[in-house]
PDB file of N, CA and C in Angstrom:
ATOM      1  N   UNK A   1     -65.705 -67.986 -38.692  1.00  0.00           N
ATOM      2  CA  UNK A   1     -65.166 -66.712 -38.912  1.00  0.00           C
ATOM      3  C   UNK A   1     -65.328 -65.718 -39.650  1.00  0.00           C
ATOM      4  N   UNK A   2     -64.988 -64.471 -38.860  1.00  0.00           N
ATOM      5  CA  UNK A   2     -65.713 -62.977 -39.513  1.00  0.00           C
ATOM      6  C   UNK A   2     -64.686 -63.013 -40.702  1.00  0.00           C
ATOM      7  N   UNK A   3     -64.829 -62.191 -41.508  1.00  0.00           N
ATOM      8  CA  UNK A   3     -64.479 -62.164 -42.658  1.00  0.00           C
ATOM      9  C   UNK A   3     -63.171 -61.317 -42.577  1.00  0.00           C
ATOM     10  N   UNK A   4     -62.241 -61.562 -42.911  1.00  0.00           N
ATOM     11  CA  UNK A   4     -60.965 -60.849 -43.261  1.00  0.00           C
ATOM     12  C   UNK A   4     -60.045 -61.470 -41.510  1.00  0.00           C
ATOM     13  N   UNK A   5     -60.468 -62.347 -40.868  1.00  0.00           N
ATOM     14  CA  UNK A   5     -59.681 -62.767 -39.765  1.00  0.00           C
ATOM     15  C   UNK A   5     -58.427 -64.071 -40.186  1.00  0.00           C
ATOM     16  N   UNK A   6     -58.366 -64.553 -41.702  1.00  0.00           N
ATOM     17  CA  UNK A   6     -57.027 -64.715 -41.948  1.00  0.00           C
ATOM     18  C   UNK A   6     -56.516 -64.251 -42.948  1.00  0.00           C
ATOM     19  N   UNK A   7     -56.713 -62.888 -42.603  1.00  0.00           N
ATOM     20  CA  UNK A   7     -55.493 -61.844 -43.613  1.00  0.00           C
ATOM     21  C   UNK A   7     -54.058 -62.460 -43.248  1.00  0.00           C
ATOM     22  N   UNK A   8     -53.662 -62.641 -42.124  1.00  0.00           N
ATOM     23  CA  UNK A   8     -52.252 -62.870 -41.871  1.00  0.00           C
ATOM     24  C   UNK A   8     -51.670 -63.627 -41.905  1.00  0.00           C
ATOM     25  N   UNK A   9     -53.007 -65.167 -42.035  1.00  0.00           N
ATOM     26  CA  UNK A   9     -51.989 -66.646 -42.582  1.00  0.00           C
ATOM     27  C   UNK A   9     -52.298 -66.502 -44.438  1.00  0.00           C
ATOM     28  N   UNK A  10     -52.809 -65.546 -44.791  1.00  0.00           N
ATOM     29  CA  UNK A  10     -53.028 -65.529 -45.981  1.00  0.00           C
ATOM     30  C   UNK A  10     -51.646 -64.779 -46.362  1.00  0.00           C
ATOM     31  N   UNK A  11     -51.114 -63.675 -45.414  1.00  0.00           N
ATOM     32  CA  UNK A  11     -49.876 -62.597 -46.278  1.00  0.00           C
ATOM     33  C   UNK A  11     -49.082 -63.837 -46.107  1.00  0.00           C
ATOM     34  N   UNK A  12     -48.860 -64.561 -44.686  1.00  0.00           N
ATOM     35  CA  UNK A  12     -47.736 -65.837 -44.668  1.00  0.00           C
ATOM     36  C   UNK A  12     -47.540 -66.653 -46.082  1.00  0.00           C
ATOM     37  N   UNK A  13     -48.413 -67.371 -46.547  1.00  0.00           N
ATOM     38  CA  UNK A  13     -48.802 -67.763 -47.163  1.00  0.00           C
ATOM     39  C   UNK A  13     -48.258 -67.260 -48.878  1.00  0.00           C
ATOM     40  N   UNK A  14     -48.467 -65.933 -49.177  1.00  0.00           N
ATOM     41  CA  UNK A  14     -47.881 -65.591 -50.101  1.00  0.00           C
ATOM     42  C   UNK A  14     -46.412 -65.138 -49.915  1.00  0.00           C
ATOM     43  N   UNK A  15     -46.205 -64.752 -49.044  1.00  0.00           N
ATOM     44  CA  UNK A  15     -44.430 -64.360 -48.625  1.00  0.00           C
ATOM     45  C   UNK A  15     -43.883 -65.492 -48.971  1.00  0.00           C
ATOM     46  N   UNK A  16     -44.188 -66.931 -48.765  1.00  0.00           N
ATOM     47  CA  UNK A  16     -43.584 -68.454 -48.403  1.00  0.00           C
ATOM     48  C   UNK A  16     -43.560 -69.016 -50.132  1.00  0.00           C
ATOM     49  N   UNK A  17     -44.741 -68.523 -50.602  1.00  0.00           N
ATOM     50  CA  UNK A  17     -44.256 -68.996 -52.310  1.00  0.00           C
ATOM     51  C   UNK A  17     -43.855 -68.024 -53.219  1.00  0.00           C
ATOM     52  N   UNK A  18     -43.823 -66.775 -52.616  1.00  0.00           N
ATOM     53  CA  UNK A  18     -43.154 -65.657 -53.799  1.00  0.00           C
ATOM     54  C   UNK A  18     -41.504 -65.292 -53.241  1.00  0.00           C
ATOM     55  N   UNK A  19     -41.419 -66.032 -52.212  1.00  0.00           N
ATOM     56  CA  UNK A  19     -39.998 -65.664 -51.788  1.00  0.00           C
ATOM     57  C   UNK A  19     -39.105 -67.018 -51.677  1.00  0.00           C
ATOM     58  N   UNK A  20     -39.756 -67.959 -51.549  1.00  0.00           N
ATOM     59  CA  UNK A  20     -39.053 -69.079 -51.471  1.00  0.00           C
ATOM     60  C   UNK A  20     -39.724 -70.410 -52.667  1.00  0.00           C
ATOM     61  N   UNK A  21     -40.933 -70.798 -52.329  1.00  0.00           N
ATOM     62  CA  UNK A  21     -41.354 -71.790 -53.254  1.00  0.00           C
ATOM     63  C   UNK A  21     -41.455 -71.728 -54.658  1.00  0.00           C
ATOM     64  N   UNK A  22     -41.872 -70.466 -55.513  1.00  0.00           N
ATOM     65  CA  UNK A  22     -41.892 -70.214 -56.678  1.00  0.00           C
ATOM     66  C   UNK A  22     -40.266 -70.033 -57.416  1.00  0.00           C
ATOM     67  N   UNK A  23     -39.567 -69.405 -56.231  1.00  0.00           N
ATOM     68  CA  UNK A  23     -38.108 -69.001 -57.144  1.00  0.00           C
ATOM     69  C   UNK A  23     -36.946 -70.794 -57.076  1.00  0.00           C
ATOM     70  N   UNK A  24     -37.540 -71.363 -55.895  1.00  0.00           N
ATOM     71  CA  UNK A  24     -36.457 -72.387 -56.148  1.00  0.00           C
ATOM     72  C   UNK A  24     -37.507 -74.018 -56.730  1.00  0.00           C
ATOM     73  N   UNK A  25     -38.724 -73.833 -57.026  1.00  0.00           N
ATOM     74  CA  UNK A  25     -39.078 -74.978 -57.911  1.00  0.00           C
ATOM     75  C   UNK A  25     -38.831 -76.624 -57.040  1.00  0.00           C
ATOM     76  N   UNK A  26     -39.142 -76.731 -55.952  1.00  0.00           N
ATOM     77  CA  UNK A  26     -38.704 -77.923 -55.607  1.00  0.00           C
ATOM     78  C   UNK A  26     -38.863 -78.883 -56.163  1.00  0.00           C
ATOM     79  N   UNK A  27     -38.075 -80.028 -56.209  1.00  0.00           N
ATOM     80  CA  UNK A  27     -37.908 -81.394 -57.286  1.00  0.00           C
ATOM     81  C   UNK A  27     -39.056 -82.335 -56.671  1.00  0.00           C
ATOM     82  N   UNK A  28     -39.056 -82.195 -55.281  1.00  0.00           N
ATOM     83  CA  UNK A  28     -39.966 -83.134 -54.582  1.00  0.00           C
ATOM     84  C   UNK A  28     -40.437 -83.087 -53.074  1.00  0.00           C
ATOM     85  N   UNK A  29     -41.260 -83.602 -52.653  1.00  0.00           N
ATOM     86  CA  UNK A  29     -41.922 -83.173 -51.536  1.00  0.00           C
ATOM     87  C   UNK A  29     -40.581 -83.272 -50.269  1.00  0.00           C
ATOM     88  N   UNK A  30     -39.511 -84.199 -50.230  1.00  0.00           N
ATOM     89  CA  UNK A  30     -38.465 -84.136 -49.099  1.00  0.00           C
ATOM     90  C   UNK A  30     -38.017 -82.626 -49.281  1.00  0.00           C
ATOM     91  N   UNK A  31     -37.509 -82.256 -50.456  1.00  0.00           N
ATOM     92  CA  UNK A  31     -36.812 -80.836 -50.604  1.00  0.00           C
ATOM     93  C   UNK A  31     -37.776 -79.963 -50.121  1.00  0.00           C
ATOM     94  N   UNK A  32     -38.789 -79.822 -50.367  1.00  0.00           N
ATOM     95  CA  UNK A  32     -39.696 -78.807 -50.556  1.00  0.00           C
ATOM     96  C   UNK A  32     -39.811 -78.609 -49.068  1.00  0.00           C
ATOM     97  N   UNK A  33     -40.349 -79.830 -47.932  1.00  0.00           N
ATOM     98  CA  UNK A  33     -40.671 -79.985 -46.993  1.00  0.00           C
ATOM     99  C   UNK A  33     -39.125 -79.116 -46.154  1.00  0.00           C
ATOM    100  N   UNK A  34     -37.707 -79.644 -46.495  1.00  0.00           N
ATOM    101  CA  UNK A  34     -36.477 -79.183 -46.010  1.00  0.00           C
ATOM    102  C   UNK A  34     -36.126 -77.643 -46.424  1.00  0.00           C
ATOM    103  N   UNK A  35     -36.658 -77.240 -47.371  1.00  0.00           N
ATOM    104  CA  UNK A  35     -36.629 -76.026 -48.169  1.00  0.00           C
ATOM    105  C   UNK A  35     -37.463 -75.083 -47.335  1.00  0.00           C
ATOM    106  N   UNK A  36     -39.048 -75.961 -47.035  1.00  0.00           N
ATOM    107  CA  UNK A  36     -39.958 -74.457 -46.338  1.00  0.00           C
ATOM    108  C   UNK A  36     -39.720 -74.218 -44.596  1.00  0.00           C
ATOM    109  N   UNK A  37     -39.073 -75.725 -44.218  1.00  0.00           N
ATOM    110  CA  UNK A  37     -38.880 -75.214 -42.752  1.00  0.00           C
ATOM    111  C   UNK A  37     -38.056 -74.204 -42.594  1.00  0.00           C
ATOM    112  N   UNK A  38     -36.243 -74.153 -43.812  1.00  0.00           N
ATOM    113  CA  UNK A  38     -35.575 -73.359 -43.844  1.00  0.00           C
ATOM    114  C   UNK A  38     -36.263 -72.124 -43.938  1.00  0.00           C
ATOM    115  N   UNK A  39     -37.078 -71.716 -44.744  1.00  0.00           N
ATOM    116  CA  UNK A  39     -37.282 -70.575 -45.008  1.00  0.00           C
ATOM    117  C   UNK A  39     -38.042 -69.986 -43.551  1.00  0.00           C
ATOM    118  N   UNK A  40     -39.090 -70.600 -43.160  1.00  0.00           N
ATOM    119  CA  UNK A  40     -39.686 -70.567 -42.151  1.00  0.00           C
ATOM    120  C   UNK A  40     -39.376 -69.895 -40.816  1.00  0.00           C
ATOM    121  N   UNK A  41     -37.668 -70.440 -41.035  1.00  0.00           N
ATOM    122  CA  UNK A  41     -36.735 -70.359 -39.627  1.00  0.00           C
ATOM    123  C   UNK A  41     -36.044 -68.991 -40.199  1.00  0.00           C
ATOM    124  N   UNK A  42     -35.876 -68.951 -41.095  1.00  0.00           N
ATOM    125  CA  UNK A  42     -35.324 -67.176 -41.804  1.00  0.00           C
ATOM    126  C   UNK A  42     -36.337 -66.415 -41.544  1.00  0.00           C
ATOM    127  N   UNK A  43     -37.733 -66.440 -41.834  1.00  0.00           N
ATOM    128  CA  UNK A  43     -39.102 -65.801 -41.543  1.00  0.00           C
ATOM    129  C   UNK A  43     -39.386 -65.295 -40.060  1.00  0.00           C
ATOM    130  N   UNK A  44     -38.690 -65.975 -39.288  1.00  0.00           N
ATOM    131  CA  UNK A  44     -39.267 -65.625 -37.554  1.00  0.00           C
ATOM    132  C   UNK A  44     -37.777 -65.283 -36.832  1.00  0.00           C
ATOM    133  N   UNK A  45     -36.449 -65.339 -37.241  1.00  0.00           N
ATOM    134  CA  UNK A  45     -35.457 -65.130 -36.875  1.00  0.00           C
ATOM    135  C   UNK A  45     -34.822 -63.790 -37.279  1.00  0.00           C
ATOM    136  N   UNK A  46     -35.040 -64.000 -39.199  1.00  0.00           N
ATOM    137  CA  UNK A  46     -33.683 -63.067 -39.557  1.00  0.00           C
ATOM    138  C   UNK A  46     -34.654 -62.157 -40.604  1.00  0.00           C
ATOM    139  N   UNK A  47     -35.455 -62.418 -41.062  1.00  0.00           N
ATOM    140  CA  UNK A  47     -36.247 -61.465 -41.958  1.00  0.00           C
ATOM    141  C   UNK A  47     -37.066 -60.352 -41.075  1.00  0.00           C
ATOM    142  N   UNK A  48     -36.684 -58.913 -41.292  1.00  0.00           N
ATOM    143  CA  UNK A  48     -37.646 -57.972 -40.952  1.00  0.00           C
ATOM    144  C   UNK A  48     -39.171 -58.066 -41.083  1.00  0.00           C
ATOM    145  N   UNK A  49     -39.965 -57.673 -40.317  1.00  0.00           N
ATOM    146  CA  UNK A  49     -40.979 -57.099 -40.483  1.00  0.00           C
ATOM    147  C   UNK A  49     -41.361 -55.778 -40.260  1.00  0.00           C
ATOM    148  N   UNK A  50     -42.266 -55.276 -41.574  1.00  0.00           N
ATOM    149  CA  UNK A  50     -42.798 -53.895 -41.323  1.00  0.00           C
ATOM    150  C   UNK A  50     -43.876 -53.868 -40.327  1.00  0.00           C
ATOM    151  N   UNK A  51     -44.792 -54.331 -40.156  1.00  0.00           N
ATOM    152  CA  UNK A  51     -45.715 -54.877 -39.066  1.00  0.00           C
ATOM    153  C   UNK A  51     -45.246 -54.919 -37.591  1.00  0.00           C
ATOM    154  N   UNK A  52     -43.998 -54.964 -37.628  1.00  0.00           N
ATOM    155  CA  UNK A  52     -43.014 -55.314 -36.397  1.00  0.00           C
ATOM    156  C   UNK A  52     -42.546 -54.417 -36.293  1.00  0.00           C
ATOM    157  N   UNK A  53     -42.668 -52.802 -36.928  1.00  0.00           N
ATOM    158  CA  UNK A  53     -41.182 -51.787 -36.685  1.00  0.00           C
ATOM    159  C   UNK A  53     -40.169 -52.713 -37.239  1.00  0.00           C
ATOM    160  N   UNK A  54     -39.805 -53.380 -38.095  1.00  0.00           N
ATOM    161  CA  UNK A  54     -38.794 -54.124 -38.396  1.00  0.00           C
ATOM    162  C   UNK A  54     -37.904 -54.769 -37.971  1.00  0.00           C
ATOM    163  N   UNK A  55     -38.411 -55.134 -36.518  1.00  0.00           N
ATOM    164  CA  UNK A  55     -38.092 -56.148 -35.820  1.00  0.00           C
ATOM    165  C   UNK A  55     -38.492 -57.734 -36.357  1.00  0.00           C
ATOM    166  N   UNK A  56     -37.976 -58.631 -36.041  1.00  0.00           N
ATOM    167  CA  UNK A  56     -37.967 -59.809 -36.973  1.00  0.00           C
ATOM    168  C   UNK A  56     -39.560 -60.587 -35.184  1.00  0.00           C
ATOM    169  N   UNK A  57     -39.920 -61.342 -35.907  1.00  0.00           N
ATOM    170  CA  UNK A  57     -41.253 -61.881 -35.034  1.00  0.00           C
ATOM    171  C   UNK A  57     -40.424 -62.540 -33.523  1.00  0.00           C
ATOM    172  N   UNK A  58     -39.366 -63.113 -33.484  1.00  0.00           N
ATOM    173  CA  UNK A  58     -38.700 -63.685 -32.451  1.00  0.00           C
ATOM    174  C   UNK A  58     -38.082 -62.384 -31.473  1.00  0.00           C
ATOM    175  N   UNK A  59     -37.461 -61.270 -32.298  1.00  0.00           N
ATOM    176  CA  UNK A  59     -37.130 -60.392 -31.029  1.00  0.00           C
ATOM    177  C   UNK A  59     -38.707 -59.961 -30.219  1.00  0.00           C
ATOM    178  N   UNK A  60     -39.570 -59.893 -31.272  1.00  0.00           N
ATOM    179  CA  UNK A  60     -40.901 -59.328 -30.519  1.00  0.00           C
ATOM    180  C   UNK A  60     -41.169 -60.498 -29.533  1.00  0.00           C
ATOM    181  N   UNK A  61     -41.349 -61.846 -29.917  1.00  0.00           N
ATOM    182  CA  UNK A  61     -41.768 -62.738 -28.657  1.00  0.00           C
ATOM    183  C   UNK A  61     -40.559 -62.484 -27.197  1.00  0.00           C
ATOM    184  N   UNK A  62     -39.693 -62.288 -27.940  1.00  0.00           N
ATOM    185  CA  UNK A  62     -38.816 -62.459 -26.532  1.00  0.00           C
ATOM    186  C   UNK A  62     -38.233 -61.465 -25.978  1.00  0.00           C
ATOM    187  N   UNK A  63     -38.573 -60.440 -26.386  1.00  0.00           N
ATOM    188  CA  UNK A  63     -39.254 -58.953 -25.309  1.00  0.00           C
ATOM    189  C   UNK A  63     -40.346 -59.007 -24.389  1.00  0.00           C
ATOM    190  N   UNK A  64     -41.570 -59.857 -25.037  1.00  0.00           N
ATOM    191  CA  UNK A  64     -42.156 -59.780 -24.536  1.00  0.00           C
ATOM    192  C   UNK A  64     -42.563 -60.901 -23.063  1.00  0.00           C
ATOM    193  N   UNK A  65     -41.447 -62.279 -23.510  1.00  0.00           N
ATOM    194  CA  UNK A  65     -40.888 -63.319 -22.546  1.00  0.00           C
ATOM    195  C   UNK A  65     -40.395 -62.333 -21.293  1.00  0.00           C
ATOM    196  N   UNK A  66     -39.253 -62.055 -21.950  1.00  0.00           N
ATOM    197  CA  UNK A  66     -38.104 -61.130 -20.890  1.00  0.00           C
ATOM    198  C   UNK A  66     -39.411 -59.634 -20.085  1.00  0.00           C
ATOM    199  N   UNK A  67     -40.692 -59.415 -20.210  1.00  0.00           N
ATOM    200  CA  UNK A  67     -40.817 -57.782 -19.646  1.00  0.00           C
ATOM    201  C   UNK A  67     -40.300 -57.255 -20.178  1.00  0.00           C
ATOM    202  N   UNK A  68     -39.855 -56.940 -21.191  1.00  0.00           N
ATOM    203  CA  UNK A  68     -39.263 -55.559 -21.213  1.00  0.00           C
ATOM    204  C   UNK A  68     -40.024 -54.899 -22.520  1.00  0.00           C
ATOM    205  N   UNK A  69     -41.471 -55.052 -23.025  1.00  0.00           N
ATOM    206  CA  UNK A  69     -42.155 -54.407 -23.744  1.00  0.00           C
ATOM    207  C   UNK A  69     -42.821 -53.570 -23.638  1.00  0.00           C
ATOM    208  N   UNK A  70     -43.425 -53.089 -22.160  1.00  0.00           N
ATOM    209  CA  UNK A  70     -44.255 -52.123 -21.309  1.00  0.00           C
ATOM    210  C   UNK A  70     -43.605 -50.765 -22.142  1.00  0.00           C
ATOM    211  N   UNK A  71     -42.724 -50.178 -22.317  1.00  0.00           N
ATOM    212  CA  UNK A  71     -41.985 -49.031 -22.692  1.00  0.00           C
ATOM    213  C   UNK A  71     -41.426 -48.814 -24.520  1.00  0.00           C
ATOM    214  N   UNK A  72     -41.446 -50.411 -25.152  1.00  0.00           N
ATOM    215  CA  UNK A  72     -41.314 -50.327 -26.495  1.00  0.00           C
ATOM    216  C   UNK A  72     -42.176 -51.180 -27.080  1.00  0.00           C
ATOM    217  N   UNK A  73     -43.378 -51.205 -26.623  1.00  0.00           N
ATOM    218  CA  UNK A  73     -44.129 -51.846 -27.126  1.00  0.00           C
ATOM    219  C   UNK A  73     -44.499 -51.929 -28.589  1.00  0.00           C
ATOM    220  N   UNK A  74     -44.929 -52.914 -29.418  1.00  0.00           N
ATOM    221  CA  UNK A  74     -44.885 -52.457 -30.739  1.00  0.00           C
ATOM    222  C   UNK A  74     -46.378 -52.662 -30.917  1.00  0.00           C
ATOM    223  N   UNK A  75     -47.023 -51.572 -31.905  1.00  0.00           N
ATOM    224  CA  UNK A  75     -48.099 -51.633 -32.211  1.00  0.00           C
ATOM    225  C   UNK A  75     -48.333 -53.286 -33.686  1.00  0.00           C
ATOM    226  N   UNK A  76     -49.350 -53.386 -33.151  1.00  0.00           N
ATOM    227  CA  UNK A  76     -49.748 -54.609 -33.798  1.00  0.00           C
ATOM    228  C   UNK A  76     -51.247 -54.841 -34.357  1.00  0.00           C
ATOM    229  N   UNK A  77     -51.744 -53.803 -34.443  1.00  0.00           N
ATOM    230  CA  UNK A  77     -52.909 -53.619 -35.093  1.00  0.00           C
ATOM    231  C   UNK A  77     -53.200 -53.413 -36.488  1.00  0.00           C
ATOM    232  N   UNK A  78     -53.895 -53.864 -36.723  1.00  0.00           N
ATOM    233  CA  UNK A  78     -54.241 -54.193 -38.117  1.00  0.00           C
ATOM    234  C   UNK A  78     -54.635 -52.856 -39.189  1.00  0.00           C
ATOM    235  N   UNK A  79     -53.743 -52.459 -39.883  1.00  0.00           N
ATOM    236  CA  UNK A  79     -54.000 -50.973 -40.663  1.00  0.00           C
ATOM    237  C   UNK A  79     -54.577 -51.490 -42.198  1.00  0.00           C
ATOM    238  N   UNK A  80     -55.434 -51.320 -42.249  1.00  0.00           N
ATOM    239  CA  UNK A  80     -56.743 -51.373 -43.289  1.00  0.00           C
ATOM    240  C   UNK A  80     -55.868 -50.555 -44.504  1.00  0.00           C
ATOM    241  N   UNK A  81     -55.534 -49.745 -44.575  1.00  0.00           N
ATOM    242  CA  UNK A  81     -55.055 -48.853 -45.611  1.00  0.00           C
ATOM    243  C   UNK A  81     -53.628 -49.549 -46.377  1.00  0.00           C
ATOM    244  N   UNK A  82     -53.269 -50.825 -45.567  1.00  0.00           N
ATOM    245  CA  UNK A  82     -51.884 -51.365 -46.057  1.00  0.00           C
ATOM    246  C   UNK A  82     -52.637 -52.458 -46.909  1.00  0.00           C
ATOM    247  N   UNK A  83     -51.751 -52.333 -47.970  1.00  0.00           N
ATOM    248  CA  UNK A  83     -52.024 -53.163 -49.083  1.00  0.00           C
ATOM    249  C   UNK A  83     -51.546 -54.450 -48.795  1.00  0.00           C
ATOM    250  N   UNK A  84     -50.469 -54.433 -48.173  1.00  0.00           N
ATOM    251  CA  UNK A  84     -50.020 -56.106 -47.506  1.00  0.00           C
ATOM    252  C   UNK A  84     -51.161 -57.001 -46.474  1.00  0.00           C
ATOM    253  N   UNK A  85     -51.924 -55.861 -46.397  1.00  0.00           N
ATOM    254  CA  UNK A  85     -53.239 -56.940 -45.314  1.00  0.00           C
ATOM    255  C   UNK A  85     -54.181 -57.082 -45.913  1.00  0.00           C
ATOM    256  N   UNK A  86     -54.288 -56.582 -46.905  1.00  0.00           N
ATOM    257  CA  UNK A  86     -55.696 -56.740 -47.803  1.00  0.00           C
ATOM    258  C   UNK A  86     -56.204 -58.533 -47.762  1.00  0.00           C
ATOM    259  N   UNK A  87     -57.191 -59.102 -47.660  1.00  0.00           N
ATOM    260  CA  UNK A  87     -57.530 -60.337 -47.601  1.00  0.00           C
ATOM    261  C   UNK A  87     -57.457 -60.597 -48.859  1.00  0.00           C
ATOM    262  N   UNK A  88     -57.077 -61.480 -49.840  1.00  0.00           N
ATOM    263  CA  UNK A  88     -56.759 -62.208 -50.725  1.00  0.00           C
ATOM    264  C   UNK A  88     -57.310 -63.550 -51.026  1.00  0.00           C
ATOM    265  N   UNK A  89     -58.624 -63.714 -50.015  1.00  0.00           N
ATOM    266  CA  UNK A  89     -59.515 -64.721 -50.604  1.00  0.00           C
ATOM    267  C   UNK A  89     -60.834 -64.154 -51.437  1.00  0.00           C
ATOM    268  N   UNK A  90     -61.339 -64.551 -52.469  1.00  0.00           N
ATOM    269  CA  UNK A  90     -62.244 -64.195 -53.193  1.00  0.00           C
ATOM    270  C   UNK A  90     -64.043 -64.208 -52.531  1.00  0.00           C
ATOM    271  N   UNK A  91     -64.583 -63.046 -53.125  1.00  0.00           N
ATOM    272  CA  UNK A  91     -65.771 -63.242 -52.381  1.00  0.00           C
ATOM    273  C   UNK A  91     -66.438 -64.280 -52.531  1.00  0.00           C
ATOM    274  N   UNK A  92     -67.447 -64.600 -51.629  1.00  0.00           N
ATOM    275  CA  UNK A  92     -67.875 -65.712 -51.784  1.00  0.00           C
ATOM    276  C   UNK A  92     -68.733 -65.933 -52.851  1.00  0.00           C
ATOM    277  N   UNK A  93     -69.145 -66.637 -53.501  1.00  0.00           N
ATOM    278  CA  UNK A  93     -69.985 -67.416 -54.497  1.00  0.00           C
ATOM    279  C   UNK A  93     -71.227 -67.820 -54.018  1.00  0.00           C
ATOM    280  N   UNK A  94     -72.519 -67.397 -54.655  1.00  0.00           N
ATOM    281  CA  UNK A  94     -73.683 -67.924 -54.333  1.00  0.00           C
ATOM    282  C   UNK A  94     -73.829 -69.213 -54.906  1.00  0.00           C
ATOM    283  N   UNK A  95     -74.745 -70.391 -54.276  1.00  0.00           N
ATOM    284  CA  UNK A  95     -74.681 -71.737 -54.929  1.00  0.00           C
ATOM    285  C   UNK A  95     -75.677 -71.859 -55.723  1.00  0.00           C
ATOM    286  N   UNK A  96     -75.725 -71.725 -57.166  1.00  0.00           N
ATOM    287  CA  UNK A  96     -76.531 -72.044 -58.247  1.00  0.00           C
ATOM    288  C   UNK A  96     -77.245 -73.784 -58.071  1.00  0.00           C
ATOM    289  N   UNK A  97     -78.528 -73.697 -58.581  1.00  0.00           N
ATOM    290  CA  UNK A  97     -79.212 -74.515 -58.850  1.00  0.00           C
ATOM    291  C   UNK A  97     -78.770 -75.058 -59.715  1.00  0.00           C
ATOM    292  N   UNK A  98     -78.860 -76.346 -59.748  1.00  0.00           N
ATOM    293  CA  UNK A  98     -78.707 -77.482 -61.218  1.00  0.00           C
ATOM    294  C   UNK A  98     -80.158 -77.153 -61.930  1.00  0.00           C
ATOM    295  N   UNK A  99     -80.117 -77.205 -63.761  1.00  0.00           N
ATOM    296  CA  UNK A  99     -80.976 -77.069 -64.383  1.00  0.00           C
ATOM    297  C   UNK A  99     -81.263 -78.457 -64.399  1.00  0.00           C
ATOM    298  N   UNK A 100     -83.087 -78.667 -64.200  1.00  0.00           N
ATOM    299  CA  UNK A 100     -83.325 -80.204 -64.452  1.00  0.00           C
ATOM    300  C   UNK A 100     -84.215 -80.282 -66.218  1.00  0.00           C
ATOM    301  N   UNK A 101     -83.817 -80.964 -66.696  1.00  0.00           N
ATOM    302  CA  UNK A 101     -84.196 -80.923 -68.048  1.00  0.00           C
ATOM    303  C   UNK A 101     -85.519 -82.005 -68.110  1.00  0.00           C
TER     304      UNK A 101
END
């Protein structure tokens, strides 16, 4: 994968952690699974997204399915000057050869 290709999924994970996981401190895996599922539903259907001109992913998807996008298309291009779109992965480290004594 080219560098920066996973920027969108990295941003999703950051939002999930900042807006849900860290705030709720789930007690166990079952609570986490249920809470995260609820947050993903919220994220896709009720949370406005700046990259989608304040619309939800579900609204954009529905418009595409029903063919109403041509005149109202949303610009989905990556804005490299957008801090929210910067990659969060650290640069690759060179492998070091272990010292043999």
